[in-house]
Amino acid sequence: MRKADIVSRVAEQTGVPKVDVLVALEAFFKEVKSSLKSGENVYVRGFGSFILKKRAKKIGRNIKKNVAVEIPEHYIPSFKPAKVFAEQIKKGTKLK
């Protein structure tokens, strides 16, 4: 499913024009990104949490040059589903 599919389905279910749904969805994504960028996690009750995970400093290797490269510690965005959400998916998942 793509973003356009989500916009279409939400517009059909709510009766709101697709343009307005797209604007709201983009605003949500922008807020999540800016919150994570500033170091603040985002919690959506019943859905999940957008959190930052810390990756420790480590030594990597450039295999073309066979040289050790230091990778500094950094943060990556991550999504952790809510318990209720995960249970619903476990019960109703059908693979194609």
N, C-alpha and C. Protein backbone atom coordinates (compact mmCIF):
# COMPACT_ATOMS: atom_id res chain seq x y z
N MET A 1 0.85 -1.18 0.00
CA MET A 1 0.00 0.00 0.00
C MET A 1 0.89 1.24 0.00
N ARG A 2 0.54 2.17 -0.83
CA ARG A 2 1.29 3.42 -0.93
C ARG A 2 0.52 4.55 -0.24
N LYS A 3 1.18 5.70 -0.16
CA LYS A 3 0.56 6.86 0.48
C LYS A 3 -0.71 7.27 -0.27
N ALA A 4 -0.69 7.20 -1.59
CA ALA A 4 -1.86 7.58 -2.38
C ALA A 4 -3.04 6.65 -2.07
N ASP A 5 -2.76 5.37 -1.84
CA ASP A 5 -3.82 4.42 -1.50
C ASP A 5 -4.43 4.76 -0.13
N ILE A 6 -3.58 5.12 0.82
CA ILE A 6 -4.06 5.50 2.15
C ILE A 6 -4.95 6.74 2.04
N VAL A 7 -4.49 7.73 1.29
CA VAL A 7 -5.26 8.97 1.12
C VAL A 7 -6.62 8.65 0.51
N SER A 8 -6.65 7.80 -0.51
CA SER A 8 -7.92 7.44 -1.16
C SER A 8 -8.87 6.74 -0.19
N ARG A 9 -8.36 5.79 0.56
CA ARG A 9 -9.22 5.06 1.50
C ARG A 9 -9.78 5.95 2.60
N VAL A 10 -8.92 6.81 3.16
CA VAL A 10 -9.38 7.71 4.23
C VAL A 10 -10.41 8.68 3.67
N ALA A 11 -10.19 9.18 2.47
CA ALA A 11 -11.14 10.11 1.85
C ALA A 11 -12.49 9.43 1.63
N GLU A 12 -12.47 8.17 1.19
CA GLU A 12 -13.72 7.44 0.97
C GLU A 12 -14.46 7.20 2.29
N GLN A 13 -13.72 6.83 3.33
CA GLN A 13 -14.34 6.49 4.61
C GLN A 13 -14.88 7.71 5.36
N THR A 14 -14.23 8.85 5.19
CA THR A 14 -14.62 10.03 5.97
C THR A 14 -15.43 11.04 5.18
N GLY A 15 -15.37 10.98 3.86
CA GLY A 15 -16.08 11.96 3.05
C GLY A 15 -15.32 13.27 2.91
N VAL A 16 -14.10 13.31 3.40
CA VAL A 16 -13.25 14.51 3.30
C VAL A 16 -12.54 14.46 1.94
N PRO A 17 -12.39 15.59 1.26
CA PRO A 17 -11.69 15.58 -0.04
C PRO A 17 -10.26 15.05 0.08
N LYS A 18 -9.80 14.39 -0.98
CA LYS A 18 -8.47 13.79 -0.99
C LYS A 18 -7.37 14.81 -0.70
N VAL A 19 -7.54 16.02 -1.22
CA VAL A 19 -6.53 17.06 -1.03
C VAL A 19 -6.37 17.38 0.46
N ASP A 20 -7.48 17.48 1.17
CA ASP A 20 -7.43 17.79 2.59
C ASP A 20 -6.81 16.64 3.39
N VAL A 21 -7.13 15.41 3.00
CA VAL A 21 -6.54 14.24 3.67
C VAL A 21 -5.03 14.23 3.44
N LEU A 22 -4.61 14.50 2.21
CA LEU A 22 -3.18 14.52 1.89
C LEU A 22 -2.45 15.59 2.69
N VAL A 23 -3.05 16.77 2.80
CA VAL A 23 -2.44 17.87 3.57
C VAL A 23 -2.29 17.47 5.03
N ALA A 24 -3.33 16.84 5.60
CA ALA A 24 -3.27 16.41 7.00
C ALA A 24 -2.21 15.33 7.20
N LEU A 25 -2.14 14.38 6.28
CA LEU A 25 -1.15 13.31 6.37
C LEU A 25 0.27 13.86 6.28
N GLU A 26 0.50 14.77 5.35
CA GLU A 26 1.82 15.39 5.21
C GLU A 26 2.18 16.20 6.45
N ALA A 27 1.21 16.89 7.04
CA ALA A 27 1.47 17.65 8.26
C ALA A 27 1.84 16.71 9.41
N PHE A 28 1.18 15.56 9.50
CA PHE A 28 1.51 14.56 10.52
C PHE A 28 2.94 14.08 10.34
N PHE A 29 3.30 13.70 9.11
CA PHE A 29 4.66 13.23 8.85
C PHE A 29 5.69 14.30 9.20
N LYS A 30 5.40 15.54 8.84
CA LYS A 30 6.32 16.65 9.11
C LYS A 30 6.52 16.84 10.61
N GLU A 31 5.44 16.75 11.39
CA GLU A 31 5.53 16.89 12.84
C GLU A 31 6.32 15.76 13.47
N VAL A 32 6.10 14.53 12.99
CA VAL A 32 6.85 13.39 13.52
C VAL A 32 8.34 13.58 13.24
N LYS A 33 8.68 13.97 12.02
CA LYS A 33 10.09 14.18 11.67
C LYS A 33 10.73 15.29 12.50
N SER A 34 10.02 16.41 12.66
CA SER A 34 10.61 17.53 13.41
C SER A 34 10.75 17.19 14.89
N SER A 35 9.79 16.44 15.43
CA SER A 35 9.89 16.03 16.84
C SER A 35 11.07 15.10 17.05
N LEU A 36 11.24 14.13 16.17
CA LEU A 36 12.38 13.22 16.30
C LEU A 36 13.70 13.95 16.09
N LYS A 37 13.71 14.90 15.17
CA LYS A 37 14.92 15.68 14.91
C LYS A 37 15.35 16.47 16.15
N SER A 38 14.37 16.94 16.91
CA SER A 38 14.69 17.70 18.12
C SER A 38 14.90 16.79 19.34
N GLY A 39 14.83 15.46 19.13
CA GLY A 39 15.11 14.53 20.22
C GLY A 39 13.90 14.12 21.03
N GLU A 40 12.71 14.47 20.57
CA GLU A 40 11.48 14.17 21.30
C GLU A 40 10.75 13.00 20.64
N ASN A 41 10.40 11.98 21.42
CA ASN A 41 9.66 10.84 20.90
C ASN A 41 8.20 11.20 20.71
N VAL A 42 7.51 10.47 19.81
CA VAL A 42 6.10 10.70 19.53
C VAL A 42 5.32 9.45 19.91
N TYR A 43 4.32 9.62 20.79
CA TYR A 43 3.50 8.50 21.25
C TYR A 43 2.07 8.68 20.76
N VAL A 44 1.55 7.68 20.05
CA VAL A 44 0.16 7.70 19.58
C VAL A 44 -0.54 6.52 20.25
N ARG A 45 -1.38 6.82 21.23
CA ARG A 45 -2.04 5.78 22.03
C ARG A 45 -2.85 4.85 21.13
N GLY A 46 -2.66 3.55 21.33
CA GLY A 46 -3.38 2.55 20.57
C GLY A 46 -2.77 2.23 19.22
N PHE A 47 -1.77 3.00 18.79
CA PHE A 47 -1.11 2.77 17.51
C PHE A 47 0.34 2.39 17.70
N GLY A 48 1.12 3.28 18.34
CA GLY A 48 2.53 2.98 18.57
C GLY A 48 3.33 4.23 18.85
N SER A 49 4.65 4.03 18.92
CA SER A 49 5.57 5.12 19.26
C SER A 49 6.64 5.26 18.18
N PHE A 50 6.90 6.49 17.81
CA PHE A 50 8.02 6.81 16.94
C PHE A 50 9.13 7.25 17.89
N ILE A 51 10.20 6.46 17.96
CA ILE A 51 11.25 6.71 18.94
C ILE A 51 12.61 6.79 18.27
N LEU A 52 13.58 7.33 19.02
CA LEU A 52 14.96 7.35 18.57
C LEU A 52 15.73 6.25 19.28
N LYS A 53 16.53 5.52 18.51
CA LYS A 53 17.37 4.48 19.09
C LYS A 53 18.82 4.91 18.92
N LYS A 54 19.58 4.73 20.00
CA LYS A 54 20.99 5.11 19.98
C LYS A 54 21.82 3.95 19.45
N ARG A 55 22.68 4.24 18.50
CA ARG A 55 23.62 3.26 17.99
C ARG A 55 25.00 3.63 18.52
N ALA A 56 25.66 2.68 19.12
CA ALA A 56 26.96 2.92 19.74
C ALA A 56 28.05 3.11 18.67
N LYS A 57 29.14 3.74 19.08
CA LYS A 57 30.30 3.91 18.21
C LYS A 57 30.87 2.53 17.92
N LYS A 58 31.27 2.29 16.66
CA LYS A 58 31.85 0.99 16.32
C LYS A 58 32.85 1.15 15.18
N ILE A 59 33.58 0.09 14.96
CA ILE A 59 34.56 0.07 13.88
C ILE A 59 33.97 -0.72 12.72
N GLY A 60 33.92 -0.10 11.55
CA GLY A 60 33.47 -0.75 10.34
C GLY A 60 34.65 -0.97 9.43
N ARG A 61 34.42 -1.52 8.27
CA ARG A 61 35.52 -1.78 7.34
C ARG A 61 35.09 -1.42 5.93
N ASN A 62 35.94 -0.65 5.25
CA ASN A 62 35.76 -0.36 3.83
C ASN A 62 36.39 -1.53 3.09
N ILE A 63 35.57 -2.43 2.56
CA ILE A 63 36.12 -3.66 1.99
C ILE A 63 36.85 -3.43 0.67
N LYS A 64 36.55 -2.36 -0.04
CA LYS A 64 37.28 -2.08 -1.29
C LYS A 64 38.73 -1.69 -1.02
N LYS A 65 38.93 -0.87 0.03
CA LYS A 65 40.27 -0.40 0.37
C LYS A 65 40.89 -1.20 1.50
N ASN A 66 40.11 -2.09 2.13
CA ASN A 66 40.56 -2.89 3.27
C ASN A 66 41.12 -2.00 4.39
N VAL A 67 40.32 -0.99 4.73
CA VAL A 67 40.71 -0.03 5.76
C VAL A 67 39.62 0.01 6.83
N ALA A 68 40.03 0.06 8.09
CA ALA A 68 39.07 0.19 9.19
C ALA A 68 38.56 1.62 9.23
N VAL A 69 37.26 1.77 9.44
CA VAL A 69 36.62 3.08 9.49
C VAL A 69 35.83 3.17 10.78
N GLU A 70 36.00 4.28 11.51
CA GLU A 70 35.25 4.47 12.75
C GLU A 70 33.89 5.07 12.43
N ILE A 71 32.85 4.41 12.90
CA ILE A 71 31.49 4.90 12.72
C ILE A 71 31.08 5.52 14.06
N PRO A 72 30.85 6.83 14.11
CA PRO A 72 30.52 7.48 15.39
C PRO A 72 29.15 7.05 15.90
N GLU A 73 28.90 7.29 17.20
CA GLU A 73 27.58 6.98 17.73
C GLU A 73 26.57 7.91 17.09
N HIS A 74 25.37 7.38 16.86
CA HIS A 74 24.33 8.16 16.21
C HIS A 74 22.96 7.61 16.60
N TYR A 75 21.93 8.34 16.23
CA TYR A 75 20.56 7.95 16.54
C TYR A 75 19.84 7.63 15.24
N ILE A 76 18.96 6.62 15.30
CA ILE A 76 18.14 6.27 14.14
C ILE A 76 16.68 6.27 14.56
N PRO A 77 15.77 6.66 13.65
CA PRO A 77 14.35 6.61 13.98
C PRO A 77 13.86 5.17 13.96
N SER A 78 12.88 4.88 14.80
CA SER A 78 12.33 3.55 14.89
C SER A 78 10.85 3.64 15.25
N PHE A 79 10.09 2.61 14.89
CA PHE A 79 8.68 2.56 15.25
C PHE A 79 8.44 1.34 16.12
N LYS A 80 7.77 1.54 17.24
CA LYS A 80 7.43 0.45 18.14
C LYS A 80 5.91 0.41 18.23
N PRO A 81 5.28 -0.67 17.70
CA PRO A 81 3.82 -0.73 17.74
C PRO A 81 3.29 -0.88 19.16
N ALA A 82 2.11 -0.34 19.40
CA ALA A 82 1.45 -0.48 20.69
C ALA A 82 1.02 -1.94 20.86
N LYS A 83 0.89 -2.35 22.10
CA LYS A 83 0.53 -3.74 22.41
C LYS A 83 -0.82 -4.11 21.77
N VAL A 84 -1.79 -3.21 21.86
CA VAL A 84 -3.11 -3.45 21.29
C VAL A 84 -3.01 -3.63 19.77
N PHE A 85 -2.25 -2.77 19.14
CA PHE A 85 -2.06 -2.82 17.69
C PHE A 85 -1.40 -4.13 17.27
N ALA A 86 -0.35 -4.52 17.97
CA ALA A 86 0.37 -5.75 17.65
C ALA A 86 -0.54 -6.97 17.81
N GLU A 87 -1.36 -6.99 18.85
CA GLU A 87 -2.28 -8.11 19.06
C GLU A 87 -3.31 -8.21 17.95
N GLN A 88 -3.83 -7.06 17.49
CA GLN A 88 -4.80 -7.05 16.41
C GLN A 88 -4.19 -7.62 15.13
N ILE A 89 -2.95 -7.28 14.86
CA ILE A 89 -2.27 -7.76 13.66
C ILE A 89 -2.01 -9.26 13.76
N LYS A 90 -1.59 -9.72 14.93
CA LYS A 90 -1.34 -11.15 15.11
C LYS A 90 -2.58 -11.98 14.87
N LYS A 91 -3.74 -11.49 15.34
CA LYS A 91 -4.99 -12.24 15.21
C LYS A 91 -5.53 -12.24 13.78
N GLY A 92 -5.35 -11.15 13.06
CA GLY A 92 -6.02 -11.02 11.77
C GLY A 92 -5.13 -11.04 10.55
N THR A 93 -3.87 -11.42 10.65
CA THR A 93 -2.97 -11.36 9.51
C THR A 93 -3.20 -12.53 8.56
N LYS A 94 -3.37 -12.17 7.27
CA LYS A 94 -3.47 -13.18 6.21
C LYS A 94 -2.45 -12.81 5.14
N LEU A 95 -1.51 -13.68 4.90
CA LEU A 95 -0.49 -13.42 3.89
C LEU A 95 -1.01 -13.79 2.51
N LYS A 96 -0.59 -13.02 1.52
CA LYS A 96 -1.01 -13.30 0.14
C LYS A 96 -0.13 -14.34 -0.49
